[in-house]
Amino acid sequence: QVQVVESGGGLVKAGGSLRLACTASGRTSGTTEMGWYRQRPEKDRDFVANFHWLAGQATTATYLKGRSTLSRDLTIGNKTIYLEISSLEPEDTAVYYCFVDIVGRRTWGQGTRVIVSS
C-alpha cells in the first residue's frame, strides 16, 4: 500500500509565501510521477505542478509561473516533494492535494488547506 501525506498549509497573508511538503511512503518503487493539484472553493480541482520522477523534470501551471518552485528530496528511497509559492493571492486559497503515480495507479493525499487573507 501507498500513503501520501501533505503538510505545510495554513493561514497566510496576501503577499506572503508558504512551503508545502508531500511524502509518499509504503510501496513506492516504480514511481513515475508526483505532484500537486488544488481545489479552490466551489471550483474544480486544478493542476498545480508535477515531477516526472525518473527524468527529474518539473512542470508548473501557467498561473504560478514565476512565483512557485517545485523541488524534491533526492535521498535514495525518499519520495518527498516540496511546493513553494510566493506572492500569495487570495485566489490561491484552496485545498492542495498531492498525488503519486506508481505503475499506472494514482494515490491521493487528504489535502492541506491554504487560506490567503487579504
Protein backbone atom coordinates (compact mmCIF):
# COMPACT_ATOMS: atom_id res chain seq x y z
CA GLN A 1 0.00 0.00 0.00
CA VAL A 2 0.97 3.59 -0.56
CA GLN A 3 0.29 6.51 1.73
CA VAL A 4 0.51 10.15 0.75
CA VAL A 5 0.69 12.84 3.40
CA GLU A 6 0.74 16.59 2.84
CA SER A 7 1.78 19.28 5.29
CA GLY A 8 2.52 22.97 5.42
CA GLY A 9 -0.86 24.55 4.86
CA GLY A 10 -2.35 27.26 6.99
CA LEU A 11 -3.37 30.89 7.11
CA VAL A 12 -1.12 33.29 5.24
CA LYS A 13 -1.41 36.98 4.44
CA ALA A 14 -1.54 38.10 0.84
CA GLY A 15 1.94 38.76 -0.46
CA GLY A 16 3.43 36.14 1.81
CA SER A 17 4.81 32.75 0.95
CA LEU A 18 4.49 29.18 2.06
CA ARG A 19 6.08 25.79 1.55
CA LEU A 20 4.04 22.66 1.22
CA ALA A 21 5.53 19.22 1.63
CA CYS A 22 4.31 15.85 0.42
CA THR A 23 5.69 12.45 1.31
CA ALA A 24 4.73 9.16 -0.24
CA SER A 25 5.53 6.05 1.76
CA GLY A 26 4.98 2.35 1.54
CA ARG A 27 5.47 0.53 -1.75
CA THR A 28 6.76 3.46 -3.77
CA SER A 29 9.16 1.72 -6.11
CA GLY A 30 8.09 2.31 -9.66
CA THR A 31 7.10 5.91 -9.02
CA THR A 32 6.67 7.73 -12.31
CA GLU A 33 5.15 11.00 -11.20
CA MET A 34 4.43 13.10 -8.12
CA GLY A 35 2.71 16.40 -7.99
CA TRP A 36 0.02 18.75 -6.79
CA TYR A 37 -3.47 19.77 -7.64
CA ARG A 38 -5.60 22.29 -5.84
CA GLN A 39 -9.29 22.82 -5.38
CA ARG A 40 -10.49 26.32 -4.73
CA PRO A 41 -13.88 26.90 -3.06
CA GLU A 42 -16.69 25.87 -5.39
CA LYS A 43 -14.24 25.14 -8.21
CA ASP A 44 -12.96 22.02 -9.90
CA ARG A 45 -9.62 20.55 -8.99
CA ASP A 46 -6.84 22.22 -10.99
CA PHE A 47 -3.35 21.10 -11.87
CA VAL A 48 -0.61 22.92 -9.96
CA ALA A 49 2.72 21.22 -10.66
CA ASN A 50 4.30 17.83 -11.08
CA PHE A 51 7.58 15.96 -11.32
CA HIS A 52 8.29 13.32 -13.93
CA TRP A 53 10.23 11.30 -11.44
CA LEU A 54 12.87 9.48 -13.47
CA ALA A 55 13.60 12.40 -15.75
CA GLY A 56 13.55 14.85 -12.86
CA GLN A 57 11.56 17.24 -14.99
CA ALA A 58 9.12 19.58 -13.32
CA THR A 59 6.07 21.19 -14.90
CA THR A 60 4.20 24.10 -13.34
CA ALA A 61 0.82 25.57 -14.16
CA THR A 62 0.96 28.82 -16.06
CA TYR A 63 -0.83 30.77 -13.36
CA LEU A 64 2.01 30.02 -10.94
CA LYS A 65 4.92 30.65 -13.28
CA GLY A 66 7.46 32.97 -11.71
CA ARG A 67 6.18 32.62 -8.16
CA SER A 68 6.49 28.93 -7.41
CA THR A 69 9.22 26.34 -7.05
CA LEU A 70 8.77 22.60 -7.11
CA SER A 71 11.63 20.61 -5.64
CA ARG A 72 12.22 17.14 -4.34
CA ASP A 73 14.32 15.30 -1.81
CA LEU A 74 16.96 13.30 -3.66
CA THR A 75 17.72 10.98 -0.78
CA ILE A 76 17.62 7.48 -2.18
CA GLY A 77 14.29 5.87 -1.48
CA ASN A 78 12.71 9.08 -0.26
CA LYS A 79 9.63 10.25 -2.08
CA THR A 80 9.16 13.79 -0.83
CA ILE A 81 8.39 16.87 -2.86
CA TYR A 82 8.06 20.48 -1.88
CA LEU A 83 5.99 23.25 -3.38
CA GLU A 84 6.94 26.81 -2.52
CA ILE A 85 4.62 29.61 -3.55
CA SER A 86 5.42 33.27 -3.09
CA SER A 87 3.44 36.46 -3.63
CA LEU A 88 0.36 34.64 -2.47
CA GLU A 89 -3.01 36.00 -3.51
CA PRO A 90 -6.44 35.40 -2.03
CA GLU A 91 -7.17 33.45 -5.23
CA ASP A 92 -4.59 30.89 -4.09
CA THR A 93 -6.90 29.91 -1.25
CA ALA A 94 -7.56 26.22 -1.80
CA VAL A 95 -7.06 22.72 -0.56
CA TYR A 96 -3.82 21.47 -2.07
CA TYR A 97 -3.73 17.78 -2.86
CA CYS A 98 -0.63 15.74 -3.53
CA PHE A 99 -0.57 12.62 -5.66
CA VAL A 100 1.86 9.91 -6.60
CA ASP A 101 1.66 7.69 -9.66
CA ILE A 102 3.13 4.23 -9.28
CA VAL A 103 2.95 1.78 -12.16
CA GLY A 104 -0.13 3.44 -13.55
CA ARG A 105 -2.01 3.83 -10.29
CA ARG A 106 -2.60 7.24 -8.70
CA THR A 107 -2.83 7.67 -4.96
CA TRP A 108 -4.00 10.93 -3.43
CA GLY A 109 -3.36 12.52 -0.10
CA GLN A 110 -6.05 14.00 2.09
CA GLY A 111 -5.05 17.55 1.20
CA THR A 112 -3.74 20.51 3.11
CA ARG A 113 -5.76 23.71 3.33
CA VAL A 114 -4.24 27.06 2.46
CA ILE A 115 -6.11 30.26 3.25
CA VAL A 116 -4.72 33.53 1.97
CA SER A 117 -6.15 36.58 3.69
CA SER A 118 -6.29 39.96 2.00
